[in-house]
């Protein structure tokens, strides 16, 4: 299949396929008369890439999923390890969003005349001085070693 045929079948732009090849998500593609020619296996690989993108994985994480493990590491183990990491990241993001929502709701109830003297701002400034940031959660983005 040509790059245009693959792109059309999957509903992506040809430039996306070239980008995936350039960043290592796709193996080097065979060329005939200078044009890329894809075998049927490319559709499965692109589907995996799409599912991983839908799950929130970055391109770097997808590259690790596809080729960042030893050959003896089976794909389900790769997926579980990266998915567990992504779930922790999403949990932290949800906790941060909940803290942001609480802060905004508290601010909506505020009747202060000046923001600088608002109890919400004063409490936030005190937390910063203590080295804490209300509503923030730190996450670890360590990818598995190769």
N, C-alpha and C. Protein backbone atom coordinates (compact mmCIF):
# COMPACT_ATOMS: atom_id res chain seq x y z
N UNK A 1 0.85 -1.18 0.00
CA UNK A 1 0.00 0.00 0.00
C UNK A 1 0.89 1.25 0.00
N UNK A 2 0.41 2.28 -0.62
CA UNK A 2 1.13 3.56 -0.62
C UNK A 2 0.81 4.30 0.68
N UNK A 3 1.58 5.35 0.95
CA UNK A 3 1.35 6.15 2.15
C UNK A 3 -0.06 6.75 2.13
N UNK A 4 -0.52 7.18 0.95
CA UNK A 4 -1.86 7.74 0.84
C UNK A 4 -2.94 6.71 1.13
N UNK A 5 -2.75 5.49 0.67
CA UNK A 5 -3.73 4.43 0.92
C UNK A 5 -3.81 4.10 2.41
N UNK A 6 -2.66 3.98 3.06
CA UNK A 6 -2.64 3.69 4.50
C UNK A 6 -3.29 4.83 5.27
N UNK A 7 -2.91 6.05 4.93
CA UNK A 7 -3.46 7.21 5.62
C UNK A 7 -4.98 7.27 5.46
N UNK A 8 -5.46 7.02 4.25
CA UNK A 8 -6.90 7.05 4.00
C UNK A 8 -7.63 5.96 4.80
N UNK A 9 -7.08 4.75 4.82
CA UNK A 9 -7.72 3.65 5.55
C UNK A 9 -7.84 3.92 7.03
N UNK A 10 -6.84 4.61 7.59
CA UNK A 10 -6.83 4.84 9.03
C UNK A 10 -7.32 6.23 9.42
N UNK A 11 -7.60 7.06 8.44
CA UNK A 11 -8.10 8.40 8.75
C UNK A 11 -7.05 9.32 9.35
N UNK A 12 -5.80 9.17 8.91
CA UNK A 12 -4.73 10.05 9.37
C UNK A 12 -4.10 10.73 8.16
N UNK A 13 -3.30 11.72 8.41
CA UNK A 13 -2.60 12.40 7.32
C UNK A 13 -1.32 11.63 6.98
N UNK A 14 -0.92 11.67 5.74
CA UNK A 14 0.36 11.06 5.37
C UNK A 14 1.53 11.63 6.17
N UNK A 15 1.45 12.90 6.51
CA UNK A 15 2.53 13.52 7.29
C UNK A 15 2.67 12.86 8.66
N UNK A 16 1.56 12.36 9.22
CA UNK A 16 1.62 11.66 10.51
C UNK A 16 2.43 10.38 10.37
N UNK A 17 2.25 9.67 9.27
CA UNK A 17 3.01 8.44 9.04
C UNK A 17 4.49 8.74 8.88
N UNK A 18 4.80 9.79 8.15
CA UNK A 18 6.21 10.17 8.00
C UNK A 18 6.80 10.58 9.36
N UNK A 19 6.04 11.29 10.16
CA UNK A 19 6.47 11.69 11.50
C UNK A 19 6.72 10.46 12.36
N UNK A 20 5.79 9.51 12.37
CA UNK A 20 5.96 8.29 13.16
C UNK A 20 7.22 7.54 12.75
N UNK A 21 7.50 7.52 11.47
CA UNK A 21 8.72 6.87 10.99
C UNK A 21 9.95 7.63 11.48
N UNK A 22 9.91 8.95 11.38
CA UNK A 22 11.05 9.78 11.78
C UNK A 22 11.37 9.65 13.27
N UNK A 23 10.35 9.53 14.13
CA UNK A 23 10.62 9.45 15.58
C UNK A 23 10.77 8.02 16.08
N UNK A 24 10.69 7.06 15.18
CA UNK A 24 10.97 5.68 15.56
C UNK A 24 9.78 4.84 15.97
N UNK A 25 8.56 5.34 15.78
CA UNK A 25 7.39 4.52 16.08
C UNK A 25 7.14 3.47 15.00
N UNK A 26 7.55 3.79 13.80
CA UNK A 26 7.45 2.86 12.68
C UNK A 26 8.86 2.49 12.24
N UNK A 27 9.05 1.26 11.85
CA UNK A 27 10.37 0.87 11.33
C UNK A 27 10.61 1.56 9.99
N UNK A 28 11.85 1.60 9.54
CA UNK A 28 12.11 2.16 8.21
C UNK A 28 11.26 1.41 7.18
N UNK A 29 10.63 2.14 6.31
CA UNK A 29 9.67 1.58 5.36
C UNK A 29 10.37 1.33 4.02
N UNK A 30 10.04 0.19 3.43
CA UNK A 30 10.58 -0.15 2.12
C UNK A 30 10.11 0.88 1.10
N UNK A 31 10.97 1.18 0.17
CA UNK A 31 10.63 2.15 -0.87
C UNK A 31 10.77 1.49 -2.24
N UNK A 32 9.83 1.83 -3.10
CA UNK A 32 9.85 1.37 -4.49
C UNK A 32 9.81 2.63 -5.34
N UNK A 33 10.85 2.82 -6.13
CA UNK A 33 10.97 4.04 -6.95
C UNK A 33 10.84 5.30 -6.08
N UNK A 34 11.41 5.24 -4.87
CA UNK A 34 11.39 6.40 -3.98
C UNK A 34 10.12 6.58 -3.17
N UNK A 35 9.10 5.76 -3.42
CA UNK A 35 7.83 5.88 -2.68
C UNK A 35 7.74 4.81 -1.61
N UNK A 36 7.22 5.19 -0.45
CA UNK A 36 7.03 4.23 0.64
C UNK A 36 5.99 3.19 0.22
N UNK A 37 6.27 1.95 0.57
CA UNK A 37 5.33 0.85 0.33
C UNK A 37 5.15 0.08 1.63
N UNK A 38 3.93 0.03 2.10
CA UNK A 38 3.61 -0.58 3.38
C UNK A 38 2.98 -1.94 3.18
N UNK A 39 3.36 -2.88 4.07
CA UNK A 39 2.72 -4.18 4.10
C UNK A 39 1.51 -4.12 5.02
N UNK A 40 0.70 -5.18 5.04
CA UNK A 40 -0.52 -5.18 5.86
C UNK A 40 -0.26 -5.07 7.36
N UNK A 41 0.92 -5.47 7.83
CA UNK A 41 1.23 -5.41 9.27
C UNK A 41 1.24 -3.98 9.80
N UNK A 42 1.44 -3.03 8.91
CA UNK A 42 1.51 -1.63 9.35
C UNK A 42 0.18 -1.18 9.97
N UNK A 43 -0.92 -1.75 9.49
CA UNK A 43 -2.23 -1.35 10.01
C UNK A 43 -2.37 -1.73 11.48
N UNK A 44 -1.87 -2.90 11.85
CA UNK A 44 -1.93 -3.32 13.26
C UNK A 44 -1.07 -2.41 14.13
N UNK A 45 0.12 -2.11 13.67
CA UNK A 45 1.02 -1.26 14.45
C UNK A 45 0.43 0.13 14.62
N UNK A 46 -0.15 0.67 13.57
CA UNK A 46 -0.76 1.99 13.66
C UNK A 46 -1.99 1.98 14.57
N UNK A 47 -2.70 0.87 14.61
CA UNK A 47 -3.84 0.74 15.52
C UNK A 47 -3.36 0.76 16.97
N UNK A 48 -2.26 0.06 17.25
CA UNK A 48 -1.68 0.08 18.60
C UNK A 48 -1.27 1.50 18.97
N UNK A 49 -0.64 2.20 18.05
CA UNK A 49 -0.25 3.59 18.30
C UNK A 49 -1.48 4.44 18.62
N UNK A 50 -2.55 4.26 17.85
CA UNK A 50 -3.76 5.04 18.07
C UNK A 50 -4.39 4.74 19.43
N UNK A 51 -4.44 3.47 19.80
CA UNK A 51 -5.00 3.09 21.11
C UNK A 51 -4.17 3.71 22.22
N UNK A 52 -2.85 3.64 22.09
CA UNK A 52 -1.97 4.22 23.11
C UNK A 52 -2.17 5.74 23.21
N UNK A 53 -2.33 6.40 22.07
CA UNK A 53 -2.59 7.84 22.08
C UNK A 53 -3.91 8.13 22.78
N UNK A 54 -4.95 7.34 22.47
CA UNK A 54 -6.26 7.52 23.10
C UNK A 54 -6.19 7.33 24.62
N UNK A 55 -5.26 6.46 25.07
CA UNK A 55 -5.08 6.20 26.50
C UNK A 55 -4.25 7.29 27.18
N UNK A 56 -3.75 8.24 26.39
CA UNK A 56 -3.03 9.36 26.97
C UNK A 56 -1.53 9.23 26.97
N UNK A 57 -1.00 8.21 26.32
CA UNK A 57 0.45 8.05 26.28
C UNK A 57 1.07 9.10 25.36
N UNK A 58 2.25 9.56 25.75
CA UNK A 58 3.01 10.48 24.91
C UNK A 58 3.70 9.68 23.82
N UNK A 59 4.23 10.37 22.82
CA UNK A 59 4.96 9.68 21.76
C UNK A 59 6.17 8.95 22.33
N UNK A 60 6.83 9.56 23.28
CA UNK A 60 7.99 8.92 23.92
C UNK A 60 7.57 7.63 24.62
N UNK A 61 6.45 7.68 25.34
CA UNK A 61 5.97 6.48 26.03
C UNK A 61 5.55 5.40 25.03
N UNK A 62 4.96 5.81 23.92
CA UNK A 62 4.56 4.84 22.90
C UNK A 62 5.80 4.19 22.29
N UNK A 63 6.83 4.95 22.09
CA UNK A 63 8.08 4.39 21.56
C UNK A 63 8.64 3.36 22.53
N UNK A 64 8.58 3.64 23.84
CA UNK A 64 9.03 2.68 24.85
C UNK A 64 8.17 1.43 24.78
N UNK A 65 6.86 1.61 24.66
CA UNK A 65 5.95 0.46 24.57
C UNK A 65 6.31 -0.42 23.38
N UNK A 66 6.58 0.19 22.25
CA UNK A 66 6.82 -0.57 21.02
C UNK A 66 8.23 -1.14 20.92
N UNK A 67 9.22 -0.43 21.47
CA UNK A 67 10.58 -0.92 21.26
C UNK A 67 11.52 -0.64 22.42
N UNK A 68 11.01 -0.22 23.54
CA UNK A 68 11.87 0.16 24.65
C UNK A 68 12.09 -0.92 25.68
N UNK A 69 11.70 -2.13 25.40
CA UNK A 69 11.87 -3.24 26.31
C UNK A 69 12.78 -4.28 25.66
N UNK A 70 13.27 -5.18 26.48
CA UNK A 70 14.07 -6.26 25.91
C UNK A 70 13.16 -7.15 25.06
N UNK A 71 13.72 -7.82 24.06
CA UNK A 71 12.90 -8.68 23.20
C UNK A 71 12.19 -9.79 23.97
N UNK A 72 12.73 -10.16 25.14
CA UNK A 72 12.10 -11.24 25.91
C UNK A 72 10.90 -10.75 26.73
N UNK A 73 10.70 -9.45 26.81
CA UNK A 73 9.57 -8.90 27.56
C UNK A 73 8.33 -8.93 26.67
N UNK A 74 7.32 -9.74 27.04
CA UNK A 74 6.14 -9.86 26.18
C UNK A 74 5.31 -8.57 26.15
N UNK A 75 4.65 -8.31 25.04
CA UNK A 75 3.85 -7.07 24.93
C UNK A 75 2.85 -6.85 26.06
N UNK A 76 2.13 -7.89 26.56
CA UNK A 76 1.20 -7.61 27.67
C UNK A 76 1.91 -7.09 28.92
N UNK A 77 3.11 -7.57 29.20
CA UNK A 77 3.86 -7.08 30.37
C UNK A 77 4.27 -5.63 30.15
N UNK A 78 4.67 -5.29 28.93
CA UNK A 78 5.03 -3.91 28.60
C UNK A 78 3.83 -3.00 28.84
N UNK A 79 2.69 -3.43 28.29
CA UNK A 79 1.47 -2.62 28.42
C UNK A 79 1.10 -2.44 29.88
N UNK A 80 1.14 -3.52 30.67
CA UNK A 80 0.75 -3.42 32.08
C UNK A 80 1.65 -2.44 32.83
N UNK A 81 2.95 -2.52 32.59
CA UNK A 81 3.88 -1.64 33.29
C UNK A 81 3.62 -0.18 32.94
N UNK A 82 3.49 0.11 31.66
CA UNK A 82 3.25 1.50 31.25
C UNK A 82 1.85 1.97 31.63
N UNK A 83 0.86 1.07 31.55
CA UNK A 83 -0.51 1.45 31.91
C UNK A 83 -0.60 1.75 33.41
N UNK A 84 0.08 0.98 34.24
CA UNK A 84 0.07 1.24 35.68
C UNK A 84 0.67 2.61 35.97
N UNK A 85 1.75 2.94 35.27
CA UNK A 85 2.37 4.25 35.42
C UNK A 85 1.39 5.36 35.00
N UNK A 86 0.70 5.15 33.89
CA UNK A 86 -0.22 6.16 33.38
C UNK A 86 -1.41 6.32 34.33
N UNK A 87 -1.90 5.23 34.92
CA UNK A 87 -3.01 5.32 35.86
C UNK A 87 -2.60 6.16 37.08
N UNK A 88 -1.38 5.94 37.58
CA UNK A 88 -0.91 6.76 38.72
C UNK A 88 -0.84 8.23 38.32
N UNK A 89 -0.37 8.49 37.12
CA UNK A 89 -0.27 9.87 36.64
C UNK A 89 -1.66 10.50 36.53
N UNK A 90 -2.62 9.76 36.03
CA UNK A 90 -3.99 10.28 35.90
C UNK A 90 -4.61 10.50 37.28
N UNK A 91 -4.36 9.58 38.23
CA UNK A 91 -4.86 9.76 39.60
C UNK A 91 -4.32 11.06 40.20
N UNK A 92 -3.03 11.32 39.98
CA UNK A 92 -2.43 12.56 40.50
C UNK A 92 -3.05 13.77 39.81
N UNK A 93 -3.29 13.67 38.52
CA UNK A 93 -3.90 14.76 37.77
C UNK A 93 -5.33 15.03 38.28
N UNK A 94 -6.07 13.96 38.54
CA UNK A 94 -7.43 14.11 39.07
C UNK A 94 -7.41 14.74 40.47
N UNK A 95 -6.44 14.34 41.30
CA UNK A 95 -6.33 14.93 42.64
C UNK A 95 -6.02 16.42 42.53
N UNK A 96 -5.13 16.77 41.62
CA UNK A 96 -4.80 18.19 41.42
C UNK A 96 -6.02 18.95 40.92
N UNK A 97 -6.76 18.36 39.98
CA UNK A 97 -7.96 19.01 39.45
C UNK A 97 -9.00 19.19 40.56
N UNK A 98 -9.14 18.21 41.44
CA UNK A 98 -10.08 18.34 42.56
C UNK A 98 -9.66 19.48 43.48
N UNK A 99 -8.37 19.60 43.74
CA UNK A 99 -7.87 20.71 44.56
C UNK A 99 -8.12 22.06 43.89
N UNK A 100 -7.93 22.11 42.58
CA UNK A 100 -8.20 23.34 41.84
C UNK A 100 -9.68 23.69 41.92
N UNK A 101 -10.53 22.68 41.79
CA UNK A 101 -11.97 22.92 41.84
C UNK A 101 -12.37 23.45 43.21
N UNK A 102 -11.83 22.84 44.28
CA UNK A 102 -12.15 23.31 45.63
C UNK A 102 -11.73 24.76 45.81
N UNK A 103 -10.53 25.09 45.33
CA UNK A 103 -10.03 26.45 45.44
C UNK A 103 -10.92 27.43 44.69
N UNK A 104 -11.34 27.07 43.49
CA UNK A 104 -12.22 27.94 42.71
C UNK A 104 -13.59 28.09 43.36
N UNK A 105 -14.14 27.00 43.89
CA UNK A 105 -15.44 27.07 44.54
C UNK A 105 -15.37 27.94 45.78
N UNK A 106 -14.27 27.82 46.53
CA UNK A 106 -14.10 28.66 47.70
C UNK A 106 -13.99 30.13 47.28
N UNK A 107 -13.29 30.37 46.18
CA UNK A 107 -13.16 31.73 45.66
C UNK A 107 -14.49 32.30 45.20
N UNK A 108 -15.35 31.46 44.66
CA UNK A 108 -16.68 31.92 44.23
C UNK A 108 -17.54 32.34 45.42
N UNK A 109 -17.30 31.73 46.58
CA UNK A 109 -18.08 32.09 47.78
C UNK A 109 -17.52 33.33 48.48
N UNK A 110 -16.31 33.74 48.08
CA UNK A 110 -15.63 34.86 48.73
C UNK A 110 -16.37 36.17 48.47
N UNK A 111 -16.44 37.00 49.47
CA UNK A 111 -17.07 38.32 49.35
C UNK A 111 -16.08 39.43 49.67
N UNK A 112 -14.79 39.13 49.61
CA UNK A 112 -13.76 40.12 49.95
C UNK A 112 -13.76 41.26 48.94
N UNK A 113 -13.42 42.44 49.43
CA UNK A 113 -13.34 43.62 48.60
C UNK A 113 -12.01 43.65 47.84
N UNK A 114 -10.94 43.22 48.50
CA UNK A 114 -9.60 43.21 47.87
C UNK A 114 -9.07 41.79 47.87
N UNK A 115 -8.53 41.38 46.73
CA UNK A 115 -7.97 40.03 46.62
C UNK A 115 -6.78 39.83 47.56
N UNK A 116 -5.97 40.87 47.75
CA UNK A 116 -4.78 40.75 48.58
C UNK A 116 -5.10 40.45 50.04
N UNK A 117 -6.26 40.88 50.51
CA UNK A 117 -6.62 40.66 51.91
C UNK A 117 -7.58 39.48 52.08
N UNK A 118 -7.91 38.83 51.01
CA UNK A 118 -8.83 37.69 51.06
C UNK A 118 -8.21 36.55 51.87
N UNK A 119 -8.99 35.92 52.71
CA UNK A 119 -8.51 34.81 53.54
C UNK A 119 -7.96 33.68 52.67
N UNK A 120 -8.54 33.50 51.52
CA UNK A 120 -8.07 32.46 50.58
C UNK A 120 -6.64 32.74 50.13
N UNK A 121 -6.36 33.98 49.77
CA UNK A 121 -5.01 34.36 49.32
C UNK A 121 -4.03 34.33 50.48
N UNK A 122 -4.45 34.78 51.66
CA UNK A 122 -3.59 34.79 52.84
C UNK A 122 -3.23 33.35 53.22
N UNK A 123 -4.21 32.46 53.22
CA UNK A 123 -3.96 31.05 53.55
C UNK A 123 -3.02 30.42 52.52
N UNK A 124 -3.22 30.74 51.25
CA UNK A 124 -2.37 30.21 50.17
C UNK A 124 -0.93 30.71 50.34
N UNK A 125 -0.76 31.99 50.67
CA UNK A 125 0.57 32.55 50.88
C UNK A 125 1.25 31.87 52.06
N UNK A 126 0.51 31.59 53.13
CA UNK A 126 1.06 30.88 54.29
C UNK A 126 1.51 29.47 53.94
N UNK A 127 0.74 28.81 53.12
CA UNK A 127 1.09 27.45 52.69
C UNK A 127 2.37 27.49 51.86
N UNK A 128 2.52 28.51 51.01
CA UNK A 128 3.74 28.64 50.19
C UNK A 128 4.96 28.84 51.09
N UNK A 129 4.81 29.63 52.14
CA UNK A 129 5.93 29.88 53.05
C UNK A 129 6.32 28.61 53.80
N UNK A 130 5.35 27.74 54.04
CA UNK A 130 5.62 26.46 54.71
C UNK A 130 6.19 25.43 53.75
N UNK A 131 6.30 25.79 52.47
CA UNK A 131 6.82 24.86 51.48
C UNK A 131 5.76 23.96 50.88
N UNK A 132 4.50 24.25 51.15
CA UNK A 132 3.40 23.46 50.60
C UNK A 132 2.66 24.30 49.58
N UNK A 133 2.06 23.64 48.62
CA UNK A 133 1.20 24.31 47.65
C UNK A 133 -0.14 23.60 47.70
N UNK A 134 -1.18 24.25 48.24
CA UNK A 134 -2.47 23.59 48.33
C UNK A 134 -2.95 23.11 46.95
N UNK A 135 -3.41 21.87 46.92
CA UNK A 135 -4.00 21.35 45.69
C UNK A 135 -3.00 20.82 44.69
N UNK A 136 -1.70 20.82 45.03
CA UNK A 136 -0.73 20.31 44.06
C UNK A 136 -0.32 18.91 44.44
N UNK A 137 -0.04 18.13 43.44
CA UNK A 137 0.41 16.75 43.62
C UNK A 137 1.57 16.53 42.67
N UNK A 138 2.64 15.96 43.16
CA UNK A 138 3.79 15.69 42.31
C UNK A 138 3.67 14.28 41.73
N UNK A 139 4.07 14.15 40.49
CA UNK A 139 4.05 12.83 39.85
C UNK A 139 5.43 12.46 39.37
N UNK A 140 5.67 11.18 39.26
CA UNK A 140 6.93 10.69 38.73
C UNK A 140 6.69 10.23 37.31
N UNK A 141 7.57 10.65 36.40
CA UNK A 141 7.41 10.30 34.99
C UNK A 141 8.57 9.40 34.55
N UNK A 142 8.97 8.49 35.40
CA UNK A 142 10.09 7.63 35.05
C UNK A 142 9.61 6.51 34.17
N UNK A 143 10.22 6.41 33.01
CA UNK A 143 9.88 5.34 32.09
C UNK A 143 10.72 4.11 32.42
N UNK A 144 10.20 2.93 32.11
CA UNK A 144 10.96 1.70 32.37
C UNK A 144 12.30 1.72 31.64
N UNK A 145 13.26 1.07 32.27
CA UNK A 145 14.58 0.98 31.63
C UNK A 145 14.55 -0.07 30.54
N UNK A 146 15.39 0.16 29.56
CA UNK A 146 15.48 -0.77 28.43
C UNK A 146 16.21 -2.03 28.82
